[in-house]
Amino acid sequence: MTLNKSSLVVAVLAAFAAHGAFAAEDKTRAEVKAEAKVAAKKGNTECEASAAPAAKSDKIRAEVKADGKSTSRECEASAAPAAKSEKSRAEVKKEVKEAVKSGELSKSDAMEKPKK
């Protein structure tokens, strides 16, 4: 039983010692963020895999936003022409009633709403 207790104590002490090794540098969050910002501007990042891709433009954000305000957001492609029927609504309803009476259409098919 004493072996288990002593190994537990050793494990806990090792965990605290390891934590102290990671916290060797006492920097504030603001200092770390400032260092990271400077390193990113210089292109000196420790982990290249997580670095942001190089900018494709030399414009600053304000210039890009100003350019975007002057352009139209409408689609340049022509819209599909609207479908035009040569029959009135009343004529279509009359035709549907006649088709249901003649058995050409079932009542449930006639009442079904078209899918959009």
N, C-alpha and C. Protein backbone atom coordinates (compact mmCIF):
# COMPACT_ATOMS: atom_id res chain seq x y z
N MET A 1 0.82 -1.18 0.00
CA MET A 1 0.00 0.00 0.00
C MET A 1 0.86 1.25 0.00
N THR A 2 1.99 1.23 0.69
CA THR A 2 2.86 2.39 0.74
C THR A 2 3.51 2.64 -0.61
N LEU A 3 3.70 1.58 -1.37
CA LEU A 3 4.27 1.74 -2.70
C LEU A 3 3.32 2.51 -3.60
N ASN A 4 2.03 2.24 -3.52
CA ASN A 4 1.03 2.94 -4.31
C ASN A 4 0.94 4.42 -3.92
N LYS A 5 0.98 4.68 -2.63
CA LYS A 5 0.93 6.07 -2.16
C LYS A 5 2.16 6.84 -2.59
N SER A 6 3.32 6.22 -2.47
CA SER A 6 4.55 6.92 -2.83
C SER A 6 4.62 7.15 -4.34
N SER A 7 4.13 6.22 -5.13
CA SER A 7 4.15 6.42 -6.59
C SER A 7 3.15 7.51 -6.98
N LEU A 8 2.05 7.60 -6.25
CA LEU A 8 1.07 8.65 -6.51
C LEU A 8 1.65 10.02 -6.18
N VAL A 9 2.37 10.10 -5.04
CA VAL A 9 3.00 11.36 -4.64
C VAL A 9 4.04 11.77 -5.67
N VAL A 10 4.83 10.83 -6.15
CA VAL A 10 5.86 11.11 -7.15
C VAL A 10 5.20 11.60 -8.44
N ALA A 11 4.11 10.99 -8.84
CA ALA A 11 3.41 11.38 -10.06
C ALA A 11 2.86 12.79 -9.96
N VAL A 12 2.29 13.13 -8.80
CA VAL A 12 1.74 14.47 -8.60
C VAL A 12 2.87 15.50 -8.61
N LEU A 13 3.98 15.22 -7.95
CA LEU A 13 5.12 16.14 -7.94
C LEU A 13 5.69 16.33 -9.35
N ALA A 14 5.73 15.26 -10.11
CA ALA A 14 6.24 15.34 -11.48
C ALA A 14 5.33 16.22 -12.34
N ALA A 15 4.04 16.11 -12.11
CA ALA A 15 3.09 16.93 -12.88
C ALA A 15 3.29 18.41 -12.56
N PHE A 16 3.45 18.74 -11.29
CA PHE A 16 3.68 20.14 -10.92
C PHE A 16 5.01 20.65 -11.44
N ALA A 17 6.01 19.82 -11.44
CA ALA A 17 7.33 20.22 -11.95
C ALA A 17 7.26 20.47 -13.45
N ALA A 18 6.54 19.64 -14.17
CA ALA A 18 6.39 19.82 -15.62
C ALA A 18 5.63 21.09 -15.91
N HIS A 19 4.62 21.39 -15.12
CA HIS A 19 3.85 22.62 -15.33
C HIS A 19 4.75 23.84 -15.15
N GLY A 20 5.62 23.79 -14.17
CA GLY A 20 6.54 24.91 -13.94
C GLY A 20 7.50 25.09 -15.10
N ALA A 21 7.88 24.02 -15.76
CA ALA A 21 8.79 24.12 -16.90
C ALA A 21 8.12 24.84 -18.06
N PHE A 22 6.82 24.62 -18.24
CA PHE A 22 6.11 25.29 -19.32
C PHE A 22 5.86 26.76 -19.01
N ALA A 23 5.74 27.10 -17.76
CA ALA A 23 5.45 28.47 -17.37
C ALA A 23 6.72 29.22 -17.00
N ALA A 24 7.84 28.88 -17.64
CA ALA A 24 9.11 29.51 -17.31
C ALA A 24 9.12 31.00 -17.68
N GLU A 25 8.51 31.34 -18.81
CA GLU A 25 8.48 32.74 -19.22
C GLU A 25 7.20 33.37 -18.71
N ASP A 26 7.33 34.46 -17.99
CA ASP A 26 6.16 35.14 -17.45
C ASP A 26 5.81 36.32 -18.36
N LYS A 27 5.06 36.04 -19.41
CA LYS A 27 4.61 37.08 -20.34
C LYS A 27 3.11 37.20 -20.22
N THR A 28 2.64 38.40 -20.41
CA THR A 28 1.19 38.59 -20.40
C THR A 28 0.64 38.22 -21.76
N ARG A 29 -0.65 38.06 -21.81
CA ARG A 29 -1.32 37.72 -23.07
C ARG A 29 -1.09 38.82 -24.10
N ALA A 30 -1.15 40.07 -23.66
CA ALA A 30 -0.95 41.20 -24.58
C ALA A 30 0.46 41.19 -25.17
N GLU A 31 1.45 40.84 -24.34
CA GLU A 31 2.84 40.80 -24.84
C GLU A 31 3.01 39.70 -25.88
N VAL A 32 2.41 38.54 -25.62
CA VAL A 32 2.52 37.43 -26.57
C VAL A 32 1.83 37.79 -27.88
N LYS A 33 0.65 38.42 -27.79
CA LYS A 33 -0.07 38.80 -29.00
C LYS A 33 0.71 39.84 -29.79
N ALA A 34 1.35 40.79 -29.09
CA ALA A 34 2.15 41.81 -29.78
C ALA A 34 3.34 41.18 -30.48
N GLU A 35 4.00 40.22 -29.82
CA GLU A 35 5.14 39.54 -30.44
C GLU A 35 4.70 38.75 -31.68
N ALA A 36 3.55 38.12 -31.57
CA ALA A 36 3.04 37.34 -32.70
C ALA A 36 2.70 38.24 -33.88
N LYS A 37 2.15 39.42 -33.57
CA LYS A 37 1.80 40.37 -34.63
C LYS A 37 3.05 40.86 -35.35
N VAL A 38 4.09 41.19 -34.59
CA VAL A 38 5.36 41.65 -35.18
C VAL A 38 5.98 40.54 -36.02
N ALA A 39 5.96 39.33 -35.50
CA ALA A 39 6.54 38.20 -36.22
C ALA A 39 5.78 37.92 -37.51
N ALA A 40 4.47 38.06 -37.46
CA ALA A 40 3.67 37.81 -38.67
C ALA A 40 3.94 38.87 -39.73
N LYS A 41 4.13 40.11 -39.32
CA LYS A 41 4.43 41.17 -40.30
C LYS A 41 5.79 40.96 -40.94
N LYS A 42 6.74 40.48 -40.16
CA LYS A 42 8.08 40.23 -40.68
C LYS A 42 8.14 38.94 -41.47
N GLY A 43 7.17 38.08 -41.24
CA GLY A 43 7.17 36.77 -41.91
C GLY A 43 7.93 35.74 -41.11
N ASN A 44 8.31 36.06 -39.90
CA ASN A 44 9.04 35.12 -39.04
C ASN A 44 8.05 34.40 -38.14
N THR A 45 7.58 33.28 -38.59
CA THR A 45 6.69 32.49 -37.75
C THR A 45 7.37 31.17 -37.47
N GLU A 46 7.18 30.69 -36.28
CA GLU A 46 7.83 29.44 -35.88
C GLU A 46 7.18 28.25 -36.57
N CYS A 47 5.90 28.30 -36.76
CA CYS A 47 5.18 27.19 -37.36
C CYS A 47 4.68 27.62 -38.73
N GLU A 48 5.33 27.21 -39.77
CA GLU A 48 4.97 27.62 -41.12
C GLU A 48 3.63 27.04 -41.56
N ALA A 49 3.25 25.90 -41.01
CA ALA A 49 2.00 25.28 -41.42
C ALA A 49 0.80 26.11 -41.01
N SER A 50 0.88 26.81 -39.90
CA SER A 50 -0.26 27.60 -39.45
C SER A 50 -0.19 29.04 -39.91
N ALA A 51 0.85 29.40 -40.64
CA ALA A 51 0.98 30.78 -41.10
C ALA A 51 -0.08 31.07 -42.17
N ALA A 52 -0.55 32.28 -42.18
CA ALA A 52 -1.54 32.69 -43.17
C ALA A 52 -0.88 32.78 -44.54
N PRO A 53 -1.62 32.51 -45.60
CA PRO A 53 -1.03 32.61 -46.93
C PRO A 53 -0.67 34.06 -47.26
N ALA A 54 0.30 34.23 -48.14
CA ALA A 54 0.73 35.57 -48.51
C ALA A 54 -0.41 36.31 -49.20
N ALA A 55 -0.48 37.60 -48.98
CA ALA A 55 -1.52 38.41 -49.57
C ALA A 55 -1.32 38.48 -51.08
N LYS A 56 -2.42 38.47 -51.82
CA LYS A 56 -2.35 38.55 -53.27
C LYS A 56 -2.46 39.99 -53.75
N SER A 57 -2.71 40.89 -52.85
CA SER A 57 -2.91 42.28 -53.22
C SER A 57 -2.10 43.19 -52.31
N ASP A 58 -1.74 44.35 -52.83
CA ASP A 58 -1.02 45.33 -52.02
C ASP A 58 -1.96 46.38 -51.43
N LYS A 59 -3.25 46.25 -51.72
CA LYS A 59 -4.22 47.22 -51.22
C LYS A 59 -4.50 46.99 -49.74
N ILE A 60 -4.78 48.06 -49.04
CA ILE A 60 -5.19 47.92 -47.65
C ILE A 60 -6.69 47.67 -47.61
N ARG A 61 -7.19 47.26 -46.48
CA ARG A 61 -8.60 46.86 -46.35
C ARG A 61 -9.54 48.00 -46.72
N ALA A 62 -9.23 49.22 -46.32
CA ALA A 62 -10.09 50.36 -46.62
C ALA A 62 -10.23 50.57 -48.13
N GLU A 63 -9.14 50.38 -48.88
CA GLU A 63 -9.20 50.54 -50.34
C GLU A 63 -10.08 49.46 -50.97
N VAL A 64 -9.95 48.24 -50.47
CA VAL A 64 -10.76 47.15 -51.02
C VAL A 64 -12.24 47.41 -50.74
N LYS A 65 -12.56 47.86 -49.53
CA LYS A 65 -13.95 48.15 -49.19
C LYS A 65 -14.50 49.28 -50.04
N ALA A 66 -13.68 50.32 -50.29
CA ALA A 66 -14.12 51.44 -51.11
C ALA A 66 -14.39 50.98 -52.54
N ASP A 67 -13.54 50.10 -53.06
CA ASP A 67 -13.74 49.58 -54.41
C ASP A 67 -15.03 48.76 -54.48
N GLY A 68 -15.33 48.03 -53.43
CA GLY A 68 -16.52 47.19 -53.41
C GLY A 68 -17.80 47.99 -53.37
N LYS A 69 -17.78 49.17 -52.78
CA LYS A 69 -18.99 49.99 -52.69
C LYS A 69 -19.38 50.54 -54.05
N SER A 70 -18.41 50.73 -54.92
CA SER A 70 -18.72 51.33 -56.21
C SER A 70 -19.22 50.31 -57.23
N THR A 71 -19.05 49.03 -56.96
CA THR A 71 -19.47 48.02 -57.92
C THR A 71 -20.89 47.58 -57.64
N SER A 72 -21.53 47.07 -58.67
CA SER A 72 -22.89 46.57 -58.55
C SER A 72 -22.86 45.13 -58.06
N ARG A 73 -23.78 44.78 -57.21
CA ARG A 73 -23.83 43.42 -56.69
C ARG A 73 -24.82 42.56 -57.48
N GLU A 74 -25.40 43.11 -58.53
CA GLU A 74 -26.36 42.35 -59.30
C GLU A 74 -25.65 41.37 -60.21
N CYS A 75 -26.32 40.31 -60.48
CA CYS A 75 -25.76 39.28 -61.35
C CYS A 75 -25.78 39.79 -62.79
N GLU A 76 -24.68 39.55 -63.49
CA GLU A 76 -24.60 40.03 -64.85
C GLU A 76 -25.34 39.12 -65.83
N ALA A 77 -25.62 37.90 -65.43
CA ALA A 77 -26.33 36.97 -66.30
C ALA A 77 -27.77 37.42 -66.44
N SER A 78 -28.34 37.17 -67.59
CA SER A 78 -29.72 37.59 -67.81
C SER A 78 -30.66 36.64 -67.05
N ALA A 79 -31.70 37.20 -66.54
CA ALA A 79 -32.67 36.40 -65.79
C ALA A 79 -33.52 35.60 -66.78
N ALA A 80 -34.03 34.49 -66.33
CA ALA A 80 -34.88 33.66 -67.18
C ALA A 80 -36.18 34.41 -67.43
N PRO A 81 -36.69 34.34 -68.62
CA PRO A 81 -37.96 35.04 -68.89
C PRO A 81 -39.09 34.42 -68.08
N ALA A 82 -39.99 35.26 -67.65
CA ALA A 82 -41.13 34.78 -66.87
C ALA A 82 -42.06 33.97 -67.77
N ALA A 83 -42.57 32.89 -67.23
CA ALA A 83 -43.50 32.06 -68.00
C ALA A 83 -44.82 32.80 -68.13
N LYS A 84 -45.32 32.85 -69.34
CA LYS A 84 -46.59 33.54 -69.57
C LYS A 84 -47.60 32.54 -70.07
N SER A 85 -48.74 32.55 -69.45
CA SER A 85 -49.81 31.67 -69.86
C SER A 85 -50.78 32.45 -70.73
N GLU A 86 -51.36 31.77 -71.68
CA GLU A 86 -52.34 32.42 -72.55
C GLU A 86 -53.75 32.22 -72.04
N LYS A 87 -53.87 31.46 -70.94
CA LYS A 87 -55.17 31.20 -70.35
C LYS A 87 -55.29 31.96 -69.05
N SER A 88 -56.50 32.35 -68.72
CA SER A 88 -56.73 33.02 -67.45
C SER A 88 -56.81 31.97 -66.34
N ARG A 89 -56.76 32.43 -65.11
CA ARG A 89 -56.86 31.53 -63.97
C ARG A 89 -58.19 30.80 -63.97
N ALA A 90 -59.24 31.52 -64.30
CA ALA A 90 -60.58 30.93 -64.31
C ALA A 90 -60.67 29.81 -65.35
N GLU A 91 -60.04 30.02 -66.50
CA GLU A 91 -60.07 28.99 -67.55
C GLU A 91 -59.34 27.72 -67.10
N VAL A 92 -58.20 27.90 -66.43
CA VAL A 92 -57.43 26.76 -65.96
C VAL A 92 -58.22 25.99 -64.90
N LYS A 93 -58.85 26.71 -63.97
CA LYS A 93 -59.65 26.06 -62.93
C LYS A 93 -60.80 25.26 -63.55
N LYS A 94 -61.41 25.83 -64.58
CA LYS A 94 -62.52 25.16 -65.25
C LYS A 94 -62.03 23.86 -65.91
N GLU A 95 -60.88 23.92 -66.55
CA GLU A 95 -60.31 22.75 -67.20
C GLU A 95 -60.00 21.65 -66.18
N VAL A 96 -59.47 22.03 -65.02
CA VAL A 96 -59.15 21.05 -63.98
C VAL A 96 -60.43 20.38 -63.47
N LYS A 97 -61.49 21.16 -63.25
CA LYS A 97 -62.76 20.59 -62.78
C LYS A 97 -63.30 19.59 -63.79
N GLU A 98 -63.21 19.94 -65.06
CA GLU A 98 -63.71 19.04 -66.11
C GLU A 98 -62.87 17.76 -66.17
N ALA A 99 -61.54 17.89 -65.97
CA ALA A 99 -60.67 16.72 -65.99
C ALA A 99 -60.96 15.81 -64.82
N VAL A 100 -61.28 16.36 -63.67
CA VAL A 100 -61.63 15.54 -62.49
C VAL A 100 -62.95 14.82 -62.74
N LYS A 101 -63.95 15.54 -63.34
CA LYS A 101 -65.25 14.93 -63.61
C LYS A 101 -65.13 13.79 -64.62
N SER A 102 -64.26 13.98 -65.61
CA SER A 102 -64.13 12.95 -66.64
C SER A 102 -63.25 11.79 -66.19
N GLY A 103 -62.54 11.95 -65.08
CA GLY A 103 -61.69 10.88 -64.56
C GLY A 103 -60.26 10.96 -65.08
N GLU A 104 -59.99 11.99 -65.83
CA GLU A 104 -58.64 12.19 -66.37
C GLU A 104 -57.63 12.48 -65.24
N LEU A 105 -58.10 13.22 -64.25
CA LEU A 105 -57.30 13.56 -63.08
C LEU A 105 -58.03 13.11 -61.83
N SER A 106 -57.27 12.67 -60.83
CA SER A 106 -57.92 12.37 -59.56
C SER A 106 -58.03 13.68 -58.77
N LYS A 107 -58.93 13.68 -57.80
CA LYS A 107 -59.14 14.91 -57.03
C LYS A 107 -57.88 15.28 -56.25
N SER A 108 -57.16 14.28 -55.76
CA SER A 108 -55.93 14.58 -55.00
C SER A 108 -54.86 15.18 -55.91
N ASP A 109 -54.78 14.72 -57.16
CA ASP A 109 -53.82 15.32 -58.10
C ASP A 109 -54.18 16.75 -58.41
N ALA A 110 -55.46 17.03 -58.51
CA ALA A 110 -55.92 18.38 -58.82
C ALA A 110 -55.67 19.34 -57.67
N MET A 111 -55.72 18.82 -56.43
CA MET A 111 -55.55 19.68 -55.26
C MET A 111 -54.09 19.86 -54.87
N GLU A 112 -53.21 19.09 -55.48
CA GLU A 112 -51.79 19.15 -55.14
C GLU A 112 -51.19 20.48 -55.58
N LYS A 113 -50.42 21.09 -54.70
CA LYS A 113 -49.79 22.37 -55.02
C LYS A 113 -48.49 22.11 -55.79
N PRO A 114 -48.20 22.96 -56.74
CA PRO A 114 -46.96 22.76 -57.50
C PRO A 114 -45.74 23.00 -56.63
N LYS A 115 -44.69 22.24 -56.89
CA LYS A 115 -43.44 22.40 -56.13
C LYS A 115 -42.67 23.58 -56.68
N LYS A 116 -42.07 24.32 -55.78
CA LYS A 116 -41.30 25.50 -56.20
C LYS A 116 -39.86 25.20 -56.33
